[in-house]
Amino acid sequence: MRKLLPAICVLALPALAADRPPDLVGTPDLIVDSKTLQNHWIVRDEDFVATACDAIEGGISAGTHRVIRFTVSTPNVGDADIFIGDPNVHFQNNDGLYEFATCHHHFHFRHYALYQLIDPASGHVWRAAKRGFCMIDVSPAPVATGAVKTWAYRNCGRVGIPGNQGISHGWADVYAWQLQGQMFVLDGGDGQDPVPPGRYVIRITVNPPFVSSGPNDPCPFTDKAGFCHQLPEFDYTNNVGEAVVDIPDHPGKTGVGPGKNDQALHDSDMHDDAGEPID
């Protein structure tokens, strides 16, 4: 049986306050909500300034660029919580879970999710620069095994300020498309090939497989194929979600796509200081 959490996660617990203690009896299981991804994307033209963090971290040149934005929901459908605790403790202990982002001045996960835009005809893949920084209970996702508990994790924390991160079973973390960096750049403004108008696939992999690059990039959990994963799960084969998107010729700044009429972010969607909406 896989151990549920590395020891460092448990060490963070006593100093943190939560509405209920972590439920660690069982095993968590992350998936990507493909329906949310399919129903919440938008293509539009946006203005970027050179000093914005999404421009700096994504290598985007200043000016107007065409982008496709999308919302990612990652429910925990297992029968136990994913418990992270305080990111400050992980970073101080150099356990490889987080790295420091100088622009945003907070911690980013090394391997939380992989964002890919794929041309199904050629197989060409474009990358997104977005790096997850906070894992919390945002929305109920009552598709988990067993009784669904109330939320327990809604404190991202900051540098020097304790957080309490995780995803309860039966809940989902959600990165709404309005957040900075939640996008692919389509016109080559980030140094990648331009994306011509047409039909594409957005593929999201949560807790993706990786190969350790060295002692600062440890391998806490492995799947049956021998690949590393940062978080423990019951099933690593169900971590991929996809959506088919149509990129038009002239979306304009008002945008085209099913996310065009999405409501503005609420405070609970903001992931604390990561919540720097682009609108």
C-alpha atoms as a PDB file:
ATOM      1  CA  MET A   1       0.000   0.000   0.000  1.00  0.00           C
ATOM      2  CA  ARG A   2       1.307   3.476  -0.853  1.00  0.00           C
ATOM      3  CA  LYS A   3       1.949   5.796   2.050  1.00  0.00           C
ATOM      4  CA  LEU A   4      -0.609   8.586   1.967  1.00  0.00           C
ATOM      5  CA  LEU A   5       1.532  11.601   2.665  1.00  0.00           C
ATOM      6  CA  PRO A   6       5.201  12.374   3.127  1.00  0.00           C
ATOM      7  CA  ALA A   7       6.156  13.103   6.712  1.00  0.00           C
ATOM      8  CA  ILE A   8       6.599  16.810   6.081  1.00  0.00           C
ATOM      9  CA  CYS A   9       2.859  17.219   5.403  1.00  0.00           C
ATOM     10  CA  VAL A  10       1.963  15.814   8.806  1.00  0.00           C
ATOM     11  CA  LEU A  11       4.486  18.057  10.519  1.00  0.00           C
ATOM     12  CA  ALA A  12       2.646  21.128   9.222  1.00  0.00           C
ATOM     13  CA  LEU A  13      -0.666  20.174  10.827  1.00  0.00           C
ATOM     14  CA  PRO A  14      -0.354  21.240  14.500  1.00  0.00           C
ATOM     15  CA  ALA A  15       0.304  24.902  13.684  1.00  0.00           C
ATOM     16  CA  LEU A  16      -2.670  25.243  11.344  1.00  0.00           C
ATOM     17  CA  ALA A  17      -6.319  25.921  11.993  1.00  0.00           C
ATOM     18  CA  ALA A  18      -9.055  24.228   9.995  1.00  0.00           C
ATOM     19  CA  ASP A  19     -12.783  23.649  10.351  1.00  0.00           C
ATOM     20  CA  ARG A  20     -12.049  19.936  10.625  1.00  0.00           C
ATOM     21  CA  PRO A  21      -8.893  17.803  10.759  1.00  0.00           C
ATOM     22  CA  PRO A  22      -7.574  16.217   7.561  1.00  0.00           C
ATOM     23  CA  ASP A  23      -9.178  12.911   6.600  1.00  0.00           C
ATOM     24  CA  LEU A  24      -6.222  10.663   5.745  1.00  0.00           C
ATOM     25  CA  VAL A  25      -7.946   7.283   6.044  1.00  0.00           C
ATOM     26  CA  GLY A  26      -7.953   5.965   2.496  1.00  0.00           C
ATOM     27  CA  THR A  27      -6.354   7.388  -0.643  1.00  0.00           C
ATOM     28  CA  PRO A  28      -7.078  10.572  -2.615  1.00  0.00           C
ATOM     29  CA  ASP A  29      -7.696  10.466  -6.371  1.00  0.00           C
ATOM     30  CA  LEU A  30      -7.485  13.528  -8.611  1.00  0.00           C
ATOM     31  CA  ILE A  31      -9.228  13.893 -11.962  1.00  0.00           C
ATOM     32  CA  VAL A  32      -9.770  16.740 -14.433  1.00  0.00           C
ATOM     33  CA  ASP A  33     -13.360  17.866 -14.963  1.00  0.00           C
ATOM     34  CA  SER A  34     -13.587  17.774 -18.773  1.00  0.00           C
ATOM     35  CA  LYS A  35     -17.104  19.256 -18.767  1.00  0.00           C
ATOM     36  CA  THR A  36     -15.922  22.389 -16.962  1.00  0.00           C
ATOM     37  CA  LEU A  37     -13.005  22.696 -19.370  1.00  0.00           C
ATOM     38  CA  GLN A  38     -15.286  22.303 -22.409  1.00  0.00           C
ATOM     39  CA  ASN A  39     -17.823  24.860 -21.170  1.00  0.00           C
ATOM     40  CA  HIS A  40     -15.462  27.593 -19.970  1.00  0.00           C
ATOM     41  CA  TRP A  41     -12.953  28.762 -22.578  1.00  0.00           C
ATOM     42  CA  ILE A  42     -12.653  31.980 -24.535  1.00  0.00           C
ATOM     43  CA  VAL A  43     -10.479  33.262 -27.403  1.00  0.00           C
ATOM     44  CA  ARG A  44      -9.818  36.990 -27.428  1.00  0.00           C
ATOM     45  CA  ASP A  45      -7.263  39.729 -28.032  1.00  0.00           C
ATOM     46  CA  GLU A  46      -5.664  41.204 -24.905  1.00  0.00           C
ATOM     47  CA  ASP A  47      -3.237  43.989 -24.081  1.00  0.00           C
ATOM     48  CA  PHE A  48      -0.142  43.030 -22.083  1.00  0.00           C
ATOM     49  CA  VAL A  49       2.340  45.304 -20.352  1.00  0.00           C
ATOM     50  CA  ALA A  50       5.937  44.176 -19.991  1.00  0.00           C
ATOM     51  CA  THR A  51       5.821  44.410 -16.172  1.00  0.00           C
ATOM     52  CA  ALA A  52       2.822  42.061 -15.698  1.00  0.00           C
ATOM     53  CA  CYS A  53       3.691  38.733 -14.076  1.00  0.00           C
ATOM     54  CA  ASP A  54       1.847  36.743 -16.730  1.00  0.00           C
ATOM     55  CA  ALA A  55       4.006  38.464 -19.351  1.00  0.00           C
ATOM     56  CA  ILE A  56       7.251  37.992 -17.408  1.00  0.00           C
ATOM     57  CA  GLU A  57       6.685  34.353 -16.460  1.00  0.00           C
ATOM     58  CA  GLY A  58       5.243  33.441 -19.859  1.00  0.00           C
ATOM     59  CA  GLY A  59       7.838  35.325 -21.879  1.00  0.00           C
ATOM     60  CA  ILE A  60       5.153  37.437 -23.570  1.00  0.00           C
ATOM     61  CA  SER A  61       6.252  40.591 -25.325  1.00  0.00           C
ATOM     62  CA  ALA A  62       4.460  43.828 -24.510  1.00  0.00           C
ATOM     63  CA  GLY A  63       1.523  44.660 -26.759  1.00  0.00           C
ATOM     64  CA  THR A  64      -1.725  43.134 -27.961  1.00  0.00           C
ATOM     65  CA  HIS A  65      -1.801  39.349 -28.296  1.00  0.00           C
ATOM     66  CA  ARG A  66      -4.391  36.720 -29.161  1.00  0.00           C
ATOM     67  CA  VAL A  67      -4.900  34.150 -26.404  1.00  0.00           C
ATOM     68  CA  ILE A  68      -7.206  31.314 -25.462  1.00  0.00           C
ATOM     69  CA  ARG A  69      -8.147  31.228 -21.795  1.00  0.00           C
ATOM     70  CA  PHE A  70      -9.732  28.258 -20.026  1.00  0.00           C
ATOM     71  CA  THR A  71     -10.965  27.113 -16.624  1.00  0.00           C
ATOM     72  CA  VAL A  72      -9.508  24.035 -14.955  1.00  0.00           C
ATOM     73  CA  SER A  73     -11.302  22.104 -12.198  1.00  0.00           C
ATOM     74  CA  THR A  74      -9.513  19.226 -10.455  1.00  0.00           C
ATOM     75  CA  PRO A  75     -11.886  17.225  -8.208  1.00  0.00           C
ATOM     76  CA  ASN A  76     -10.639  14.788  -5.602  1.00  0.00           C
ATOM     77  CA  VAL A  77     -12.831  11.714  -6.162  1.00  0.00           C
ATOM     78  CA  GLY A  78     -10.969   9.455  -3.751  1.00  0.00           C
ATOM     79  CA  ASP A  79     -11.933   8.524  -0.207  1.00  0.00           C
ATOM     80  CA  ALA A  80      -9.336  10.665   1.595  1.00  0.00           C
ATOM     81  CA  ASP A  81      -8.114  14.264   1.479  1.00  0.00           C
ATOM     82  CA  ILE A  82      -5.034  15.461  -0.304  1.00  0.00           C
ATOM     83  CA  PHE A  83      -3.363  17.284   2.558  1.00  0.00           C
ATOM     84  CA  ILE A  84      -0.559  19.747   1.823  1.00  0.00           C
ATOM     85  CA  GLY A  85      -0.588  22.090   4.823  1.00  0.00           C
ATOM     86  CA  ASP A  86       1.675  25.123   4.934  1.00  0.00           C
ATOM     87  CA  PRO A  87       3.750  25.803   1.792  1.00  0.00           C
ATOM     88  CA  ASN A  88       6.294  27.708   3.908  1.00  0.00           C
ATOM     89  CA  VAL A  89       7.177  24.482   5.730  1.00  0.00           C
ATOM     90  CA  HIS A  90       7.629  22.552   2.489  1.00  0.00           C
ATOM     91  CA  PHE A  91       9.841  25.269   1.009  1.00  0.00           C
ATOM     92  CA  GLN A  92      11.955  25.614   4.153  1.00  0.00           C
ATOM     93  CA  ASN A  93      12.490  21.853   4.205  1.00  0.00           C
ATOM     94  CA  ASN A  94      13.412  21.819   0.498  1.00  0.00           C
ATOM     95  CA  ASP A  95      11.203  18.787  -0.144  1.00  0.00           C
ATOM     96  CA  GLY A  96      10.701  19.672  -3.807  1.00  0.00           C
ATOM     97  CA  LEU A  97       6.955  20.354  -3.716  1.00  0.00           C
ATOM     98  CA  TYR A  98       7.262  24.125  -4.252  1.00  0.00           C
ATOM     99  CA  GLU A  99       9.628  26.587  -5.847  1.00  0.00           C
ATOM    100  CA  PHE A 100       9.703  30.355  -5.333  1.00  0.00           C
ATOM    101  CA  ALA A 101       8.246  32.687  -7.975  1.00  0.00           C
ATOM    102  CA  THR A 102      10.038  36.016  -7.709  1.00  0.00           C
ATOM    103  CA  CYS A 103       7.500  38.023  -9.725  1.00  0.00           C
ATOM    104  CA  HIS A 104       4.388  36.923  -7.825  1.00  0.00           C
ATOM    105  CA  HIS A 105       6.385  36.630  -4.584  1.00  0.00           C
ATOM    106  CA  HIS A 106       4.789  33.325  -3.647  1.00  0.00           C
ATOM    107  CA  PHE A 107       5.448  29.618  -4.020  1.00  0.00           C
ATOM    108  CA  HIS A 108       4.591  27.633  -7.161  1.00  0.00           C
ATOM    109  CA  PHE A 109       4.087  23.880  -7.351  1.00  0.00           C
ATOM    110  CA  ARG A 110       6.749  22.175  -9.438  1.00  0.00           C
ATOM    111  CA  HIS A 111       4.429  19.558 -10.951  1.00  0.00           C
ATOM    112  CA  TYR A 112       0.772  20.311 -10.168  1.00  0.00           C
ATOM    113  CA  ALA A 113      -0.704  20.322 -13.682  1.00  0.00           C
ATOM    114  CA  LEU A 114       0.421  20.134 -17.301  1.00  0.00           C
ATOM    115  CA  TYR A 115      -1.396  22.338 -19.839  1.00  0.00           C
ATOM    116  CA  GLN A 116      -1.142  21.399 -23.531  1.00  0.00           C
ATOM    117  CA  LEU A 117      -2.808  22.757 -26.691  1.00  0.00           C
ATOM    118  CA  ILE A 118      -2.679  20.078 -29.381  1.00  0.00           C
ATOM    119  CA  ASP A 119      -3.221  20.154 -33.130  1.00  0.00           C
ATOM    120  CA  PRO A 120      -4.960  16.799 -33.729  1.00  0.00           C
ATOM    121  CA  ALA A 121      -3.912  16.759 -37.388  1.00  0.00           C
ATOM    122  CA  SER A 122      -0.167  17.214 -36.889  1.00  0.00           C
ATOM    123  CA  GLY A 123       0.278  16.345 -33.217  1.00  0.00           C
ATOM    124  CA  HIS A 124       2.064  19.662 -32.606  1.00  0.00           C
ATOM    125  CA  VAL A 125       1.890  20.784 -28.962  1.00  0.00           C
ATOM    126  CA  TRP A 126       1.947  24.285 -27.510  1.00  0.00           C
ATOM    127  CA  ARG A 127       2.702  24.909 -23.839  1.00  0.00           C
ATOM    128  CA  ALA A 128       1.198  27.253 -21.262  1.00  0.00           C
ATOM    129  CA  ALA A 129       3.372  29.048 -18.733  1.00  0.00           C
ATOM    130  CA  LYS A 130       0.816  28.901 -15.920  1.00  0.00           C
ATOM    131  CA  ARG A 131       2.116  27.340 -12.699  1.00  0.00           C
ATOM    132  CA  GLY A 132      -0.300  26.373  -9.940  1.00  0.00           C
ATOM    133  CA  PHE A 133       0.502  27.967  -6.618  1.00  0.00           C
ATOM    134  CA  CYS A 134      -2.389  27.077  -4.333  1.00  0.00           C
ATOM    135  CA  MET A 135      -4.487  23.945  -3.871  1.00  0.00           C
ATOM    136  CA  ILE A 136      -7.726  24.577  -1.938  1.00  0.00           C
ATOM    137  CA  ASP A 137     -11.383  23.557  -1.701  1.00  0.00           C
ATOM    138  CA  VAL A 138     -13.196  25.874  -4.141  1.00  0.00           C
ATOM    139  CA  SER A 139     -16.276  23.968  -5.356  1.00  0.00           C
ATOM    140  CA  PRO A 140     -18.168  20.857  -4.205  1.00  0.00           C
ATOM    141  CA  ALA A 141     -17.669  17.852  -6.484  1.00  0.00           C
ATOM    142  CA  PRO A 142     -20.003  15.160  -5.119  1.00  0.00           C
ATOM    143  CA  VAL A 143     -18.593  12.326  -7.194  1.00  0.00           C
ATOM    144  CA  ALA A 144     -16.176  10.986  -4.617  1.00  0.00           C
ATOM    145  CA  THR A 145     -16.177   7.571  -2.991  1.00  0.00           C
ATOM    146  CA  GLY A 146     -17.869   7.416   0.406  1.00  0.00           C
ATOM    147  CA  ALA A 147     -19.298  10.229   2.497  1.00  0.00           C
ATOM    148  CA  VAL A 148     -18.352  13.726   1.333  1.00  0.00           C
ATOM    149  CA  LYS A 149     -17.160  15.956   4.142  1.00  0.00           C
ATOM    150  CA  THR A 150     -17.321  19.710   4.498  1.00  0.00           C
ATOM    151  CA  TRP A 151     -14.467  21.766   3.095  1.00  0.00           C
ATOM    152  CA  ALA A 152     -11.287  22.094   5.146  1.00  0.00           C
ATOM    153  CA  TYR A 153      -8.741  23.941   2.994  1.00  0.00           C
ATOM    154  CA  ARG A 154      -9.143  27.568   1.968  1.00  0.00           C
ATOM    155  CA  ASN A 155      -5.965  29.241   3.168  1.00  0.00           C
ATOM    156  CA  CYS A 156      -3.242  29.532   0.530  1.00  0.00           C
ATOM    157  CA  GLY A 157      -0.778  31.252   2.826  1.00  0.00           C
ATOM    158  CA  ARG A 158       1.953  33.648   1.765  1.00  0.00           C
ATOM    159  CA  VAL A 159       5.664  33.957   2.298  1.00  0.00           C
ATOM    160  CA  GLY A 160       6.049  34.019   6.077  1.00  0.00           C
ATOM    161  CA  ILE A 161       2.284  33.620   6.656  1.00  0.00           C
ATOM    162  CA  PRO A 162       1.110  30.028   7.299  1.00  0.00           C
ATOM    163  CA  GLY A 163      -1.355  28.453   4.892  1.00  0.00           C
ATOM    164  CA  ASN A 164      -3.442  25.303   4.954  1.00  0.00           C
ATOM    165  CA  GLN A 165      -3.653  23.802   1.479  1.00  0.00           C
ATOM    166  CA  GLY A 166      -5.250  20.616   0.216  1.00  0.00           C
ATOM    167  CA  ILE A 167      -8.349  19.225  -1.500  1.00  0.00           C
ATOM    168  CA  SER A 168     -11.002  17.438   0.532  1.00  0.00           C
ATOM    169  CA  HIS A 169     -12.501  14.334  -1.002  1.00  0.00           C
ATOM    170  CA  GLY A 170     -15.693  15.426  -2.708  1.00  0.00           C
ATOM    171  CA  TRP A 171     -14.297  18.901  -3.431  1.00  0.00           C
ATOM    172  CA  ALA A 172     -12.438  20.467  -6.349  1.00  0.00           C
ATOM    173  CA  ASP A 173      -9.813  23.126  -6.788  1.00  0.00           C
ATOM    174  CA  VAL A 174     -10.718  25.512  -9.634  1.00  0.00           C
ATOM    175  CA  TYR A 175      -8.507  27.874 -11.605  1.00  0.00           C
ATOM    176  CA  ALA A 176     -10.907  30.192 -13.457  1.00  0.00           C
ATOM    177  CA  TRP A 177      -9.920  31.531 -16.872  1.00  0.00           C
ATOM    178  CA  GLN A 178      -9.902  35.107 -15.562  1.00  0.00           C
ATOM    179  CA  LEU A 179      -6.748  34.484 -13.497  1.00  0.00           C
ATOM    180  CA  GLN A 180      -3.378  35.668 -14.739  1.00  0.00           C
ATOM    181  CA  GLY A 181      -1.471  33.157 -16.846  1.00  0.00           C
ATOM    182  CA  GLN A 182      -4.455  30.825 -17.360  1.00  0.00           C
ATOM    183  CA  MET A 183      -4.011  30.767 -21.127  1.00  0.00           C
ATOM    184  CA  PHE A 184      -2.183  29.765 -24.285  1.00  0.00           C
ATOM    185  CA  VAL A 185      -0.726  32.533 -26.453  1.00  0.00           C
ATOM    186  CA  LEU A 186      -1.892  32.051 -30.054  1.00  0.00           C
ATOM    187  CA  ASP A 187      -0.008  34.626 -32.125  1.00  0.00           C
ATOM    188  CA  GLY A 188       3.581  33.676 -31.312  1.00  0.00           C
ATOM    189  CA  GLY A 189       3.988  36.471 -28.774  1.00  0.00           C
ATOM    190  CA  ASP A 190       5.614  34.089 -26.295  1.00  0.00           C
ATOM    191  CA  GLY A 191       8.212  32.730 -28.714  1.00  0.00           C
ATOM    192  CA  GLN A 192       6.258  29.642 -29.768  1.00  0.00           C
ATOM    193  CA  ASP A 193       4.865  28.996 -33.229  1.00  0.00           C
ATOM    194  CA  PRO A 194       1.639  30.892 -33.996  1.00  0.00           C
ATOM    195  CA  VAL A 195      -1.570  28.836 -33.743  1.00  0.00           C
ATOM    196  CA  PRO A 196      -3.598  29.164 -36.972  1.00  0.00           C
ATOM    197  CA  PRO A 197      -7.409  29.314 -36.807  1.00  0.00           C
ATOM    198  CA  GLY A 198      -8.964  25.879 -36.621  1.00  0.00           C
ATOM    199  CA  ARG A 199      -9.975  23.064 -34.299  1.00  0.00           C
ATOM    200  CA  TYR A 200      -7.667  22.041 -31.452  1.00  0.00           C
ATOM    201  CA  VAL A 201      -7.654  20.022 -28.239  1.00  0.00           C
ATOM    202  CA  ILE A 202      -6.843  21.428 -24.812  1.00  0.00           C
ATOM    203  CA  ARG A 203      -5.392  18.622 -22.712  1.00  0.00           C
ATOM    204  CA  ILE A 204      -4.944  19.037 -18.959  1.00  0.00           C
ATOM    205  CA  THR A 205      -3.027  16.524 -16.838  1.00  0.00           C
ATOM    206  CA  VAL A 206      -3.253  16.948 -13.078  1.00  0.00           C
ATOM    207  CA  ASN A 207      -0.445  15.576 -10.900  1.00  0.00           C
ATOM    208  CA  PRO A 208       1.409  14.694 -14.120  1.00  0.00           C
ATOM    209  CA  PRO A 209       4.119  12.048 -14.436  1.00  0.00           C
ATOM    210  CA  PHE A 210       7.694  13.312 -14.497  1.00  0.00           C
ATOM    211  CA  VAL A 211      11.274  12.138 -14.329  1.00  0.00           C
ATOM    212  CA  SER A 212      13.291  13.579 -11.459  1.00  0.00           C
ATOM    213  CA  SER A 213      15.955  16.036 -12.569  1.00  0.00           C
ATOM    214  CA  GLY A 214      18.033  15.692  -9.408  1.00  0.00           C
ATOM    215  CA  PRO A 215      18.034  16.020  -5.607  1.00  0.00           C
ATOM    216  CA  ASN A 216      16.035  19.272  -5.690  1.00  0.00           C
ATOM    217  CA  ASP A 217      13.324  17.556  -7.729  1.00  0.00           C
ATOM    218  CA  PRO A 218      12.566  14.421  -5.681  1.00  0.00           C
ATOM    219  CA  CYS A 219      10.271  11.536  -6.601  1.00  0.00           C
ATOM    220  CA  PRO A 220       7.922  11.025  -3.616  1.00  0.00           C
ATOM    221  CA  PHE A 221       5.475   8.666  -5.364  1.00  0.00           C
ATOM    222  CA  THR A 222       5.674   6.431  -8.422  1.00  0.00           C
ATOM    223  CA  ASP A 223       3.114   4.859 -10.729  1.00  0.00           C
ATOM    224  CA  LYS A 224       3.191   1.331 -12.151  1.00  0.00           C
ATOM    225  CA  ALA A 225       5.276   2.517 -15.098  1.00  0.00           C
ATOM    226  CA  GLY A 226       7.919   3.953 -12.777  1.00  0.00           C
ATOM    227  CA  PHE A 227       7.203   7.643 -13.398  1.00  0.00           C
ATOM    228  CA  CYS A 228       7.297  10.120 -10.527  1.00  0.00           C
ATOM    229  CA  HIS A 229       4.294  12.023  -9.148  1.00  0.00           C
ATOM    230  CA  GLN A 230       4.286  14.724  -6.497  1.00  0.00           C
ATOM    231  CA  LEU A 231       1.006  13.712  -4.881  1.00  0.00           C
ATOM    232  CA  PRO A 232      -0.365  10.344  -3.721  1.00  0.00           C
ATOM    233  CA  GLU A 233      -3.327   8.891  -5.615  1.00  0.00           C
ATOM    234  CA  PHE A 234      -5.353   5.705  -5.856  1.00  0.00           C
ATOM    235  CA  ASP A 235      -5.325   5.828  -9.668  1.00  0.00           C
ATOM    236  CA  TYR A 236      -2.814   7.722 -11.811  1.00  0.00           C
ATOM    237  CA  THR A 237      -4.448   6.657 -15.091  1.00  0.00           C
ATOM    238  CA  ASN A 238      -7.481   8.977 -14.801  1.00  0.00           C
ATOM    239  CA  ASN A 239      -5.614  12.284 -14.472  1.00  0.00           C
ATOM    240  CA  VAL A 240      -6.254  13.644 -17.980  1.00  0.00           C
ATOM    241  CA  GLY A 241      -9.139  15.793 -19.216  1.00  0.00           C
ATOM    242  CA  GLU A 242      -9.670  17.257 -22.685  1.00  0.00           C
ATOM    243  CA  ALA A 243     -11.830  19.791 -24.508  1.00  0.00           C
ATOM    244  CA  VAL A 244     -12.251  20.493 -28.214  1.00  0.00           C
ATOM    245  CA  VAL A 245     -11.943  24.191 -29.057  1.00  0.00           C
ATOM    246  CA  ASP A 246     -12.440  26.179 -32.256  1.00  0.00           C
ATOM    247  CA  ILE A 247     -10.061  29.114 -32.696  1.00  0.00           C
ATOM    248  CA  PRO A 248     -11.564  31.781 -34.979  1.00  0.00           C
ATOM    249  CA  ASP A 249      -9.942  34.323 -37.290  1.00  0.00           C
ATOM    250  CA  HIS A 250     -11.068  37.534 -35.578  1.00  0.00           C
ATOM    251  CA  PRO A 251     -12.294  37.103 -31.961  1.00  0.00           C
ATOM    252  CA  GLY A 252     -11.714  40.730 -30.986  1.00  0.00           C
ATOM    253  CA  LYS A 253     -11.340  41.932 -27.418  1.00  0.00           C
ATOM    254  CA  THR A 254     -14.866  40.888 -26.444  1.00  0.00           C
ATOM    255  CA  GLY A 255     -13.947  37.317 -27.265  1.00  0.00           C
ATOM    256  CA  VAL A 256     -15.481  34.160 -28.736  1.00  0.00           C
ATOM    257  CA  GLY A 257     -16.282  30.962 -26.877  1.00  0.00           C
ATOM    258  CA  PRO A 258     -18.583  29.501 -24.205  1.00  0.00           C
ATOM    259  CA  GLY A 259     -16.755  31.352 -21.421  1.00  0.00           C
ATOM    260  CA  LYS A 260     -17.614  34.753 -22.876  1.00  0.00           C
ATOM    261  CA  ASN A 261     -20.566  35.243 -20.540  1.00  0.00           C
ATOM    262  CA  ASP A 262     -18.958  33.802 -17.397  1.00  0.00           C
ATOM    263  CA  GLN A 263     -19.487  35.899 -14.312  1.00  0.00           C
ATOM    264  CA  ALA A 264     -16.641  37.806 -12.714  1.00  0.00           C
ATOM    265  CA  LEU A 265     -14.619  36.029 -10.047  1.00  0.00           C
ATOM    266  CA  HIS A 266     -15.898  35.899  -6.493  1.00  0.00           C
ATOM    267  CA  ASP A 267     -13.530  36.283  -3.554  1.00  0.00           C
ATOM    268  CA  SER A 268     -13.651  32.527  -2.902  1.00  0.00           C
ATOM    269  CA  ASP A 269     -12.310  31.897  -6.414  1.00  0.00           C
ATOM    270  CA  MET A 270      -9.311  34.115  -6.029  1.00  0.00           C
ATOM    271  CA  HIS A 271      -6.759  31.798  -4.407  1.00  0.00           C
ATOM    272  CA  ASP A 272      -5.836  34.729  -2.125  1.00  0.00           C
ATOM    273  CA  ASP A 273      -2.890  36.687  -3.540  1.00  0.00           C
ATOM    274  CA  ALA A 274      -2.836  34.621  -6.737  1.00  0.00           C
ATOM    275  CA  GLY A 275      -6.133  36.247  -7.588  1.00  0.00           C
ATOM    276  CA  GLU A 276      -5.000  38.888  -9.993  1.00  0.00           C
ATOM    277  CA  PRO A 277      -7.837  38.825 -12.525  1.00  0.00           C
ATOM    278  CA  ILE A 278      -7.149  40.205 -15.932  1.00  0.00           C
ATOM    279  CA  ASP A 279     -10.508  42.027 -16.184  1.00  0.00           C
END
